[in-house]
Amino acid sequence: MRRFMGVLALALAVSINTFAAERPNILVILADDLGYGDVGFTGSQEIFTPQLDQLAANGMVCRNGYVTHPYCGPSRAGLVTGRYQARFGLEINVTYSPYDLYSGLPLTEQTFGTRMQKAGYRTGIIGKWHLGAAQPYHPNSRGFDHFYGFLSGGHSYFPENTTTAYPLLLENGSPHYSANEGCYLPLMRNNQAGEFNEYLTTALSREAAKFVAESKKPFCLYLAYNAPHGPLEAPKKTIEKYQHIKNKQRRTYAAMIDEMDQGIGMVVDALKKSGKFDNTLIFFLSDNGGVTSKPGHENENWSNNGPFRKGKGSMLEGGSHVPFFVHWPKGIKKPGTFEGLISSLDIAATAVALGGGDTSGHPLEGVNLAPYLSGKKSGTPHDALFWRVRDGVSWAVRTPTGKYLQENWGGSETQLYDMANDPYESTNLIGQVPEKRAELVKLWNDWNAGNTANVLLQAGEYQQKRLKLYEELHKQLQEKAQKTKPGVIQ
């Protein structure tokens, strides 16, 4: 009996070790405000992305890849949790507020970092966090062993712009409200100050290359670039490569994408040199569409979301239909394109399934893509995808054949499109196909019944409230001081 138990234990140990050896590394590369048509693998002829294009050519390009929200913070919340952010009421851009113990990704939620960490993976995030700045919301507190980057919604790209001054910007002595409060603060390495002595995209790439090369066990790395999000800043030499682009802002934007592509090349080289390339599952996508002109932001016209309409913030395709590919030599036997509906929610679900990650707590809402990547399954992973902004100010639902939406800016008319024959949303069919409308209405309402109201304030609103609190406190203290008579000693 003792011998049998020993053999059983040895067999179990071999099985566990074999599984551990076969588990893929996970690398999630997220661009920021990248236009759909601004990389080579989606058709760009004027911005050079050879590293991305080669990965895409040898991987699976998801032609219907989506994120869960059309702008930064909520989109990231959905990605890192693998759950629609409307489930836990985070539908705004969290501001940088390091002393607010209530402002950030709710502590009821697990990130894919936590789930993979529990499975023995080395986890890390490099780059932009944007999900809370107080200690309970810090990446090291949310499942990531290693963090190098910044906590705010944006950051300057040049180290000479760094300052330790309070991050709330002033214009003519008045507050300038911005989701990117903290843009000029020093970088962080875990809970300490991090060195920052070169162009930011290069620094993030160098850190990522080091992380993957040095990891002695399976890793799960979230490489969250802030490129090509503003401020529009790039090395002069790279900008000069794009003289063929007349618009100066777009020229710099193109250089920022170029620098990101070069940085991804550094990471790929590190994977190859360390022998980890073939068994590293790489996801690449943007957090939302590229910026386009809209009320209050008329001059933001440097990205190209073609062939889709509008961009960041919109419920039309340009808002959340993003460049998206998956690369995994060991798991993708036949590179190509995939037409089914793919969501950023699928990243956590796939990583957890392949890595044996923790499945406790709230259920993941994505789909394990591995069977689709290997060719064992065909069709669409999702029958429907959903969007909601600020408790339903705007919304959308999309199936393989239809899309029903309320736009976020530019009119209040609802819109209905035949996505099978009109994927670029050129002809609004509202009023013409009531059965399709009723079908989509029911889908969205059933989904929304499981959501919660937004529990946080948008960055600008939050900053105004915070300044008002300081003002009122100051007045109260002044009034108290005026009513207090000077003391007399004996």
Protein backbone atom coordinates (compact mmCIF):
# COMPACT_ATOMS: atom_id res chain seq x y z
CA MET A 1 0.00 0.00 0.00
CA ARG A 2 2.82 2.35 0.93
CA ARG A 3 4.56 1.55 -2.35
CA PHE A 4 1.33 2.20 -4.26
CA MET A 5 0.85 5.55 -2.57
CA GLY A 6 4.44 6.47 -3.39
CA VAL A 7 3.95 5.61 -7.06
CA LEU A 8 0.68 7.56 -7.09
CA ALA A 9 2.36 10.60 -5.53
CA LEU A 10 5.19 10.41 -8.07
CA ALA A 11 2.73 10.12 -10.96
CA LEU A 12 0.76 13.08 -9.63
CA ALA A 13 3.94 15.15 -9.25
CA VAL A 14 5.01 14.31 -12.81
CA SER A 15 1.54 15.23 -14.07
CA ILE A 16 1.59 18.57 -12.23
CA ASN A 17 5.11 19.36 -13.43
CA THR A 18 4.20 18.44 -17.00
CA PHE A 19 1.15 20.71 -16.82
CA ALA A 20 3.29 23.52 -15.39
CA ALA A 21 5.84 23.08 -18.17
CA GLU A 22 3.12 23.17 -20.83
CA ARG A 23 1.29 26.18 -19.47
CA PRO A 24 1.84 29.17 -21.73
CA ASN A 25 3.24 32.48 -20.70
CA ILE A 26 0.66 35.25 -21.13
CA LEU A 27 1.56 38.64 -22.59
CA VAL A 28 -1.21 41.23 -22.97
CA ILE A 29 -0.09 44.27 -24.99
CA LEU A 30 -2.52 47.17 -24.83
CA ALA A 31 -2.17 50.32 -26.91
CA ASP A 32 -3.95 53.52 -25.83
CA ASP A 33 -6.29 55.42 -28.18
CA LEU A 34 -4.94 53.61 -31.26
CA GLY A 35 -6.95 54.21 -34.43
CA TYR A 36 -8.24 51.06 -36.11
CA GLY A 37 -6.69 51.98 -39.44
CA ASP A 38 -3.33 53.09 -38.04
CA VAL A 39 -1.37 49.83 -38.09
CA GLY A 40 -0.15 47.88 -41.07
CA PHE A 41 -2.10 44.71 -40.37
CA THR A 42 -5.38 46.64 -40.61
CA GLY A 43 -4.35 48.39 -43.79
CA SER A 44 -2.30 51.49 -42.97
CA GLN A 45 0.01 52.59 -45.77
CA GLU A 46 1.49 55.59 -43.98
CA ILE A 47 2.39 54.36 -40.46
CA PHE A 48 5.08 51.69 -40.22
CA THR A 49 4.48 48.78 -37.81
CA PRO A 50 6.65 45.90 -39.06
CA GLN A 51 6.89 44.17 -35.68
CA LEU A 52 3.14 44.12 -35.13
CA ASP A 53 2.50 43.15 -38.73
CA GLN A 54 4.78 40.13 -38.51
CA LEU A 55 3.14 38.94 -35.29
CA ALA A 56 -0.28 39.43 -36.85
CA ALA A 57 0.72 37.56 -40.02
CA ASN A 58 1.83 34.57 -37.95
CA GLY A 59 -1.09 34.73 -35.57
CA MET A 60 -4.85 35.13 -35.69
CA VAL A 61 -6.19 38.56 -36.62
CA CYS A 62 -9.59 39.09 -35.02
CA ARG A 63 -11.53 41.13 -37.53
CA ASN A 64 -14.39 41.63 -35.08
CA GLY A 65 -12.41 42.32 -31.91
CA TYR A 66 -14.01 44.63 -29.35
CA VAL A 67 -13.40 46.21 -25.98
CA THR A 68 -16.17 46.65 -23.41
CA HIS A 69 -16.25 50.45 -23.34
CA PRO A 70 -15.35 53.26 -25.76
CA TYR A 71 -12.88 55.03 -23.46
CA CYS A 72 -9.93 54.33 -21.20
CA GLY A 73 -10.68 53.56 -17.55
CA PRO A 74 -13.86 51.46 -17.90
CA SER A 75 -12.38 49.56 -20.83
CA ARG A 76 -9.36 48.63 -18.69
CA ALA A 77 -11.60 47.62 -15.80
CA GLY A 78 -13.41 45.16 -18.06
CA LEU A 79 -10.18 43.81 -19.48
CA VAL A 80 -8.35 43.18 -16.19
CA THR A 81 -11.35 41.63 -14.41
CA GLY A 82 -12.81 39.67 -17.32
CA ARG A 83 -16.21 41.07 -16.36
CA TYR A 84 -18.33 43.84 -17.81
CA GLN A 85 -17.46 46.91 -15.76
CA ALA A 86 -21.16 47.80 -15.55
CA ARG A 87 -21.51 44.80 -13.23
CA PHE A 88 -19.63 46.71 -10.55
CA GLY A 89 -20.44 50.31 -11.44
CA LEU A 90 -17.14 51.56 -12.87
CA GLU A 91 -18.15 53.53 -15.95
CA ILE A 92 -15.94 56.59 -15.56
CA ASN A 93 -12.28 57.57 -15.73
CA VAL A 94 -10.89 57.31 -12.20
CA THR A 95 -8.81 60.37 -11.31
CA TYR A 96 -5.42 60.28 -9.62
CA SER A 97 -6.26 60.64 -5.92
CA PRO A 98 -3.77 58.75 -3.71
CA TYR A 99 -5.54 59.47 -0.40
CA ASP A 100 -9.03 58.38 -1.40
CA LEU A 101 -9.61 54.88 -0.05
CA TYR A 102 -12.86 54.50 -2.01
CA SER A 103 -11.86 55.56 -5.52
CA GLY A 104 -10.67 52.75 -7.76
CA LEU A 105 -11.42 49.29 -9.11
CA PRO A 106 -13.81 47.90 -6.46
CA LEU A 107 -12.14 45.55 -4.01
CA THR A 108 -14.91 43.03 -4.62
CA GLU A 109 -13.32 42.30 -8.01
CA GLN A 110 -10.39 40.03 -8.87
CA THR A 111 -7.99 40.93 -11.66
CA PHE A 112 -6.58 38.30 -13.98
CA GLY A 113 -3.33 39.07 -12.16
CA THR A 114 -4.79 37.76 -8.90
CA ARG A 115 -6.24 34.69 -10.59
CA MET A 116 -2.94 33.82 -12.30
CA GLN A 117 -0.86 34.68 -9.24
CA LYS A 118 -2.79 32.05 -7.29
CA ALA A 119 -1.86 29.51 -9.97
CA GLY A 120 1.85 30.14 -9.46
CA TYR A 121 2.44 32.59 -12.28
CA ARG A 122 4.79 35.53 -11.90
CA THR A 123 2.56 38.51 -12.65
CA GLY A 124 3.36 42.05 -13.70
CA ILE A 125 1.99 45.27 -15.12
CA ILE A 126 4.19 47.73 -16.94
CA GLY A 127 2.78 51.08 -18.01
CA LYS A 128 -0.59 52.71 -17.39
CA TRP A 129 -2.86 51.56 -14.54
CA HIS A 130 -5.71 54.13 -14.29
CA LEU A 131 -7.77 52.09 -11.83
CA GLY A 132 -7.10 53.88 -8.55
CA ALA A 133 -4.10 55.50 -6.86
CA ALA A 134 -4.60 54.81 -3.14
CA GLN A 135 -2.76 51.85 -1.67
CA PRO A 136 -5.69 49.37 -1.72
CA TYR A 137 -6.00 49.94 -5.49
CA HIS A 138 -2.27 49.91 -6.28
CA PRO A 139 -1.29 47.15 -8.77
CA ASN A 140 0.83 45.41 -6.13
CA SER A 141 -2.35 45.15 -4.04
CA ARG A 142 -4.40 43.82 -6.96
CA GLY A 143 -2.55 40.68 -7.99
CA PHE A 144 0.56 41.98 -9.70
CA ASP A 145 3.94 41.01 -8.28
CA HIS A 146 5.73 43.67 -10.28
CA PHE A 147 4.73 47.18 -11.33
CA TYR A 148 6.66 49.78 -13.28
CA GLY A 149 4.77 52.75 -14.67
CA PHE A 150 2.21 55.28 -13.51
CA LEU A 151 -1.15 55.24 -11.76
CA SER A 152 -2.88 58.12 -13.57
CA GLY A 153 -4.76 58.23 -16.86
CA GLY A 154 -1.87 59.65 -18.86
CA HIS A 155 1.78 60.63 -18.66
CA SER A 156 4.30 62.85 -20.40
CA TYR A 157 6.78 60.90 -22.52
CA PHE A 158 9.95 62.84 -21.76
CA PRO A 159 11.74 62.59 -18.39
CA GLU A 160 12.66 66.27 -18.41
CA ASN A 161 8.95 67.09 -17.99
CA THR A 162 8.72 65.22 -14.69
CA THR A 163 7.84 67.25 -11.61
CA THR A 164 6.93 66.50 -8.01
CA ALA A 165 4.54 69.45 -7.91
CA TYR A 166 0.91 68.74 -7.09
CA PRO A 167 -0.59 67.22 -10.24
CA LEU A 168 -3.74 69.36 -10.54
CA LEU A 169 -3.00 71.63 -13.47
CA LEU A 170 -3.81 75.32 -13.35
CA GLU A 171 -4.74 77.58 -16.25
CA ASN A 172 -4.72 81.30 -15.45
CA GLY A 173 -4.89 80.41 -11.77
CA SER A 174 -8.03 78.26 -12.16
CA PRO A 175 -8.15 74.46 -11.97
CA HIS A 176 -7.92 72.54 -15.22
CA TYR A 177 -9.92 69.35 -14.77
CA SER A 178 -8.39 66.36 -16.49
CA ALA A 179 -8.55 62.58 -16.35
CA ASN A 180 -4.79 62.75 -16.71
CA GLU A 181 -4.12 64.39 -13.39
CA GLY A 182 -0.69 63.07 -12.41
CA CYS A 183 0.64 63.28 -15.95
CA TYR A 184 3.97 64.79 -14.87
CA LEU A 185 4.65 62.86 -11.67
CA PRO A 186 7.68 60.54 -11.41
CA LEU A 187 7.22 56.94 -12.47
CA MET A 188 6.83 54.20 -9.88
CA ARG A 189 8.59 50.88 -9.45
CA ASN A 190 6.29 48.91 -7.18
CA ASN A 191 5.85 51.21 -4.14
CA GLN A 192 9.00 53.23 -4.74
CA ALA A 193 10.08 55.90 -7.19
CA GLY A 194 11.16 54.38 -10.50
CA GLU A 195 13.96 55.57 -12.72
CA PHE A 196 12.89 57.45 -15.84
CA ASN A 197 15.73 58.55 -18.09
CA GLU A 198 14.60 57.92 -21.67
CA TYR A 199 11.57 58.19 -23.92
CA LEU A 200 8.72 56.63 -21.95
CA THR A 201 7.62 54.05 -24.52
CA THR A 202 11.20 52.81 -24.78
CA ALA A 203 11.53 52.67 -20.99
CA LEU A 204 8.36 50.59 -20.69
CA SER A 205 9.49 48.26 -23.47
CA ARG A 206 12.93 47.81 -21.93
CA GLU A 207 11.34 46.93 -18.59
CA ALA A 208 9.01 44.43 -20.26
CA ALA A 209 11.90 42.79 -22.12
CA LYS A 210 13.75 42.41 -18.84
CA PHE A 211 10.68 40.98 -17.12
CA VAL A 212 10.08 38.23 -19.69
CA ALA A 213 13.78 37.36 -19.96
CA GLU A 214 14.30 37.02 -16.20
CA SER A 215 11.11 35.16 -15.30
CA LYS A 216 12.01 31.67 -14.06
CA LYS A 217 8.43 30.39 -14.01
CA PRO A 218 5.39 30.99 -16.22
CA PHE A 219 4.58 34.68 -16.37
CA CYS A 220 1.52 36.80 -16.99
CA LEU A 221 2.52 40.29 -18.07
CA TYR A 222 0.17 43.18 -18.82
CA LEU A 223 2.13 45.66 -20.94
CA ALA A 224 -0.13 48.71 -20.96
CA TYR A 225 1.44 51.35 -23.19
CA ASN A 226 0.10 54.90 -23.03
CA ALA A 227 1.07 55.36 -26.69
CA PRO A 228 -0.34 56.91 -28.75
CA HIS A 229 -2.49 58.71 -26.12
CA GLY A 230 -1.75 62.42 -25.66
CA PRO A 231 0.24 64.45 -24.97
CA LEU A 232 1.52 64.11 -28.53
CA GLU A 233 5.26 63.71 -27.93
CA ALA A 234 7.85 61.69 -29.83
CA PRO A 235 11.59 61.77 -30.55
CA LYS A 236 12.45 64.25 -33.27
CA LYS A 237 14.29 61.64 -35.32
CA THR A 238 11.21 59.40 -35.45
CA ILE A 239 8.92 62.28 -36.34
CA GLU A 240 11.19 63.06 -39.30
CA LYS A 241 10.43 59.60 -40.73
CA TYR A 242 6.87 60.78 -41.32
CA GLN A 243 7.38 63.87 -43.45
CA HIS A 244 4.92 62.34 -45.91
CA ILE A 245 2.14 63.12 -43.42
CA LYS A 246 1.14 66.78 -43.75
CA ASN A 247 -0.84 67.12 -40.51
CA LYS A 248 1.77 67.90 -37.83
CA GLN A 249 -0.26 66.36 -35.03
CA ARG A 250 -0.80 63.16 -36.99
CA ARG A 251 2.89 63.10 -37.87
CA THR A 252 3.81 63.02 -34.17
CA TYR A 253 1.05 60.50 -33.48
CA ALA A 254 2.48 58.25 -36.21
CA ALA A 255 5.94 58.50 -34.64
CA MET A 256 4.47 57.46 -31.27
CA ILE A 257 3.00 54.33 -32.86
CA ASP A 258 6.32 53.67 -34.58
CA GLU A 259 8.15 53.88 -31.23
CA MET A 260 5.65 51.47 -29.68
CA ASP A 261 6.19 49.03 -32.54
CA GLN A 262 9.95 49.22 -32.06
CA GLY A 263 9.48 48.60 -28.34
CA ILE A 264 7.35 45.53 -28.99
CA GLY A 265 10.24 44.31 -31.13
CA MET A 266 12.49 44.56 -28.07
CA VAL A 267 10.10 42.37 -26.09
CA VAL A 268 9.80 39.82 -28.90
CA ASP A 269 13.60 39.62 -29.16
CA ALA A 270 13.80 38.97 -25.40
CA LEU A 271 11.23 36.19 -25.71
CA LYS A 272 13.16 34.56 -28.55
CA LYS A 273 16.56 34.82 -26.85
CA SER A 274 15.17 33.28 -23.65
CA GLY A 275 13.48 30.44 -25.54
CA LYS A 276 9.97 31.48 -24.48
CA PHE A 277 8.59 32.83 -27.74
CA ASP A 278 6.83 29.71 -29.04
CA ASN A 279 4.89 29.12 -25.83
CA THR A 280 3.98 32.74 -25.09
CA LEU A 281 0.38 33.64 -25.83
CA ILE A 282 0.38 37.27 -26.98
CA PHE A 283 -2.75 39.40 -27.17
CA PHE A 284 -2.53 42.78 -28.85
CA LEU A 285 -5.33 45.34 -28.89
CA SER A 286 -6.20 48.97 -28.13
CA ASP A 287 -8.23 50.12 -25.12
CA ASN A 288 -10.66 51.93 -27.45
CA GLY A 289 -10.74 53.68 -30.80
CA GLY A 290 -8.56 56.60 -31.77
CA VAL A 291 -9.62 60.15 -30.97
CA THR A 292 -11.72 62.03 -33.51
CA SER A 293 -13.31 65.46 -33.53
CA LYS A 294 -16.33 65.78 -31.27
CA PRO A 295 -18.02 68.54 -29.25
CA GLY A 296 -15.46 70.07 -26.94
CA HIS A 297 -12.59 68.29 -28.70
CA GLU A 298 -12.87 69.64 -32.22
CA ASN A 299 -9.10 69.75 -32.79
CA GLU A 300 -8.57 66.05 -32.03
CA ASN A 301 -8.40 64.81 -35.60
CA TRP A 302 -5.11 62.95 -35.86
CA SER A 303 -6.18 59.29 -35.79
CA ASN A 304 -7.81 57.12 -38.43
CA ASN A 305 -10.50 54.63 -37.42
CA GLY A 306 -11.37 53.78 -41.00
CA PRO A 307 -13.30 52.04 -42.31
CA PHE A 308 -15.42 52.58 -39.20
CA ARG A 309 -17.33 55.70 -38.19
CA LYS A 310 -16.37 58.05 -35.35
CA GLY A 311 -13.96 57.04 -32.59
CA LYS A 312 -13.14 57.16 -28.91
CA GLY A 313 -16.28 57.72 -26.82
CA SER A 314 -18.71 56.73 -29.56
CA MET A 315 -21.13 53.82 -29.63
CA LEU A 316 -20.57 53.50 -33.35
CA GLU A 317 -17.92 50.99 -34.42
CA GLY A 318 -15.04 53.46 -34.28
CA GLY A 319 -15.42 53.67 -30.50
CA SER A 320 -14.75 50.09 -29.48
CA HIS A 321 -14.01 47.98 -32.58
CA VAL A 322 -10.23 47.83 -32.20
CA PRO A 323 -7.13 46.34 -33.85
CA PHE A 324 -6.89 42.91 -32.21
CA PHE A 325 -4.74 39.84 -32.82
CA VAL A 326 -3.60 36.75 -30.94
CA HIS A 327 -0.16 35.18 -31.48
CA TRP A 328 0.83 31.78 -30.08
CA PRO A 329 3.02 29.48 -32.21
CA LYS A 330 2.32 26.50 -29.99
CA GLY A 331 -1.45 26.97 -30.02
CA ILE A 332 -2.26 28.48 -33.41
CA LYS A 333 -1.63 25.83 -36.01
CA LYS A 334 -2.92 27.79 -38.98
CA PRO A 335 -2.44 31.59 -38.92
CA GLY A 336 -5.13 33.68 -40.55
CA THR A 337 -8.15 35.79 -39.75
CA PHE A 338 -11.10 35.14 -37.49
CA GLU A 339 -14.53 36.61 -38.15
CA GLY A 340 -16.43 35.71 -34.97
CA LEU A 341 -17.20 38.24 -32.23
CA ILE A 342 -14.21 38.54 -29.87
CA SER A 343 -14.14 40.60 -26.66
CA SER A 344 -11.38 41.87 -24.40
CA LEU A 345 -13.27 39.85 -21.75
CA ASP A 346 -11.89 36.74 -23.45
CA ILE A 347 -8.32 37.56 -22.44
CA ALA A 348 -8.85 36.76 -18.75
CA ALA A 349 -10.99 33.72 -19.55
CA THR A 350 -8.38 32.27 -21.90
CA ALA A 351 -5.46 32.96 -19.57
CA VAL A 352 -7.22 31.40 -16.59
CA ALA A 353 -8.31 28.33 -18.56
CA LEU A 354 -4.87 27.65 -20.03
CA GLY A 355 -2.90 28.54 -16.93
CA GLY A 356 -5.08 26.83 -14.36
CA GLY A 357 -5.91 30.17 -12.79
CA ASP A 358 -8.28 30.69 -9.90
CA THR A 359 -11.96 30.58 -10.84
CA SER A 360 -13.44 31.50 -7.46
CA GLY A 361 -15.45 34.63 -6.83
CA HIS A 362 -17.45 36.34 -9.55
CA PRO A 363 -17.67 34.26 -12.73
CA LEU A 364 -15.66 35.40 -15.73
CA GLU A 365 -17.79 36.60 -18.63
CA GLY A 366 -15.37 35.94 -21.44
CA VAL A 367 -14.81 32.82 -23.51
CA ASN A 368 -11.73 30.59 -23.62
CA LEU A 369 -10.42 31.23 -27.12
CA ALA A 370 -7.97 28.31 -27.22
CA PRO A 371 -10.33 25.91 -29.09
CA TYR A 372 -11.00 28.62 -31.68
CA LEU A 373 -7.29 29.35 -32.08
CA SER A 374 -6.47 25.66 -32.57
CA GLY A 375 -9.30 25.13 -35.04
CA LYS A 376 -11.20 22.71 -32.81
CA LYS A 377 -14.11 25.14 -32.70
CA SER A 378 -15.53 27.45 -35.35
CA GLY A 379 -18.26 30.06 -35.38
CA THR A 380 -18.55 32.98 -33.00
CA PRO A 381 -17.44 32.86 -29.36
CA HIS A 382 -20.14 35.41 -28.47
CA ASP A 383 -23.73 35.56 -29.63
CA ALA A 384 -23.99 39.16 -28.38
CA LEU A 385 -21.79 41.91 -26.97
CA PHE A 386 -22.97 44.84 -24.85
CA TRP A 387 -21.98 48.41 -24.01
CA ARG A 388 -23.23 50.99 -21.54
CA VAL A 389 -22.00 54.47 -20.58
CA ARG A 390 -22.96 56.19 -17.32
CA ASP A 391 -26.00 54.07 -16.39
CA GLY A 392 -27.37 54.17 -19.92
CA VAL A 393 -26.72 57.71 -21.18
CA SER A 394 -25.62 55.80 -24.25
CA TRP A 395 -25.65 52.08 -24.98
CA ALA A 396 -25.26 49.43 -27.66
CA VAL A 397 -25.81 45.74 -28.29
CA ARG A 398 -24.25 43.83 -31.17
CA THR A 399 -24.89 40.35 -32.53
CA PRO A 400 -23.32 38.84 -35.65
CA THR A 401 -26.22 40.18 -37.70
CA GLY A 402 -27.41 43.37 -36.00
CA LYS A 403 -26.54 46.34 -33.84
CA TYR A 404 -28.85 48.67 -31.92
CA LEU A 405 -27.45 51.77 -30.23
CA GLN A 406 -27.97 55.13 -28.63
CA GLU A 407 -25.07 57.41 -29.52
CA ASN A 408 -22.98 59.13 -26.87
CA TRP A 409 -22.56 62.39 -28.74
CA GLY A 410 -24.33 63.95 -31.66
CA GLY A 411 -28.10 63.51 -31.45
CA SER A 412 -30.53 61.37 -29.49
CA GLU A 413 -31.95 59.21 -32.28
CA THR A 414 -31.55 55.47 -31.78
CA GLN A 415 -29.82 53.60 -34.60
CA LEU A 416 -30.17 50.08 -35.96
CA TYR A 417 -27.79 48.44 -38.42
CA ASP A 418 -27.56 45.23 -40.42
CA MET A 419 -24.03 44.18 -39.42
CA ALA A 420 -23.93 41.23 -41.80
CA ASN A 421 -24.40 43.42 -44.88
CA ASP A 422 -23.53 46.87 -43.53
CA PRO A 423 -20.62 46.45 -41.08
CA TYR A 424 -19.62 50.11 -41.47
CA GLU A 425 -23.01 51.39 -40.27
CA SER A 426 -23.93 53.46 -43.28
CA THR A 427 -27.72 52.88 -43.37
CA ASN A 428 -29.86 53.35 -40.25
CA LEU A 429 -32.74 50.86 -40.40
CA ILE A 430 -34.61 52.17 -37.38
CA GLY A 431 -38.35 51.78 -37.94
CA GLN A 432 -37.86 49.32 -40.82
CA VAL A 433 -37.14 46.04 -39.03
CA PRO A 434 -39.20 45.99 -35.80
CA GLU A 435 -38.57 42.27 -35.17
CA LYS A 436 -34.79 42.78 -35.16
CA ARG A 437 -35.15 45.81 -32.92
CA ALA A 438 -37.31 43.84 -30.45
CA GLU A 439 -34.75 41.02 -30.40
CA LEU A 440 -31.87 43.39 -29.62
CA VAL A 441 -33.89 45.34 -27.04
CA LYS A 442 -34.60 42.13 -25.13
CA LEU A 443 -30.96 41.06 -25.24
CA TRP A 444 -29.74 44.38 -23.86
CA ASN A 445 -32.41 44.66 -21.17
CA ASP A 446 -31.77 41.10 -19.97
CA TRP A 447 -28.05 41.85 -19.77
CA ASN A 448 -28.55 45.22 -18.08
CA ALA A 449 -30.73 43.66 -15.37
CA GLY A 450 -27.53 42.20 -13.91
CA ASN A 451 -25.73 45.56 -13.76
CA THR A 452 -25.35 48.12 -11.02
CA ALA A 453 -25.50 51.91 -11.14
CA ASN A 454 -22.26 53.81 -11.49
CA VAL A 455 -20.64 54.31 -8.07
CA LEU A 456 -17.84 56.76 -8.91
CA LEU A 457 -17.54 60.27 -10.33
CA GLN A 458 -15.96 61.14 -13.66
CA ALA A 459 -12.51 62.65 -13.18
CA GLY A 460 -13.46 66.29 -13.78
CA GLU A 461 -16.57 66.10 -11.60
CA TYR A 462 -14.59 64.38 -8.89
CA GLN A 463 -11.87 67.03 -8.94
CA GLN A 464 -14.46 69.80 -8.63
CA LYS A 465 -16.04 68.08 -5.63
CA ARG A 466 -12.66 67.56 -4.03
CA LEU A 467 -11.70 71.22 -4.44
CA LYS A 468 -15.10 72.25 -3.06
CA LEU A 469 -14.47 70.07 -0.01
CA TYR A 470 -11.13 71.83 0.61
CA GLU A 471 -12.80 75.21 0.19
CA GLU A 472 -15.60 74.39 2.62
CA LEU A 473 -13.16 72.96 5.16
CA HIS A 474 -11.07 76.13 4.91
CA LYS A 475 -14.14 78.29 5.52
CA GLN A 476 -15.20 76.22 8.50
CA LEU A 477 -11.76 76.48 10.06
CA GLN A 478 -11.64 80.23 9.44
CA GLU A 479 -15.06 80.72 11.04
CA LYS A 480 -14.03 78.62 14.00
CA ALA A 481 -10.81 80.62 14.38
CA GLN A 482 -12.70 83.94 14.26
CA LYS A 483 -15.10 82.80 17.02
CA THR A 484 -12.29 81.58 19.24
CA LYS A 485 -11.11 84.22 21.72
CA PRO A 486 -7.40 84.51 22.47
CA GLY A 487 -6.36 82.54 25.53
CA VAL A 488 -5.17 84.28 28.70
CA ILE A 489 -2.43 82.88 30.90
CA GLN A 490 -2.10 83.59 34.61
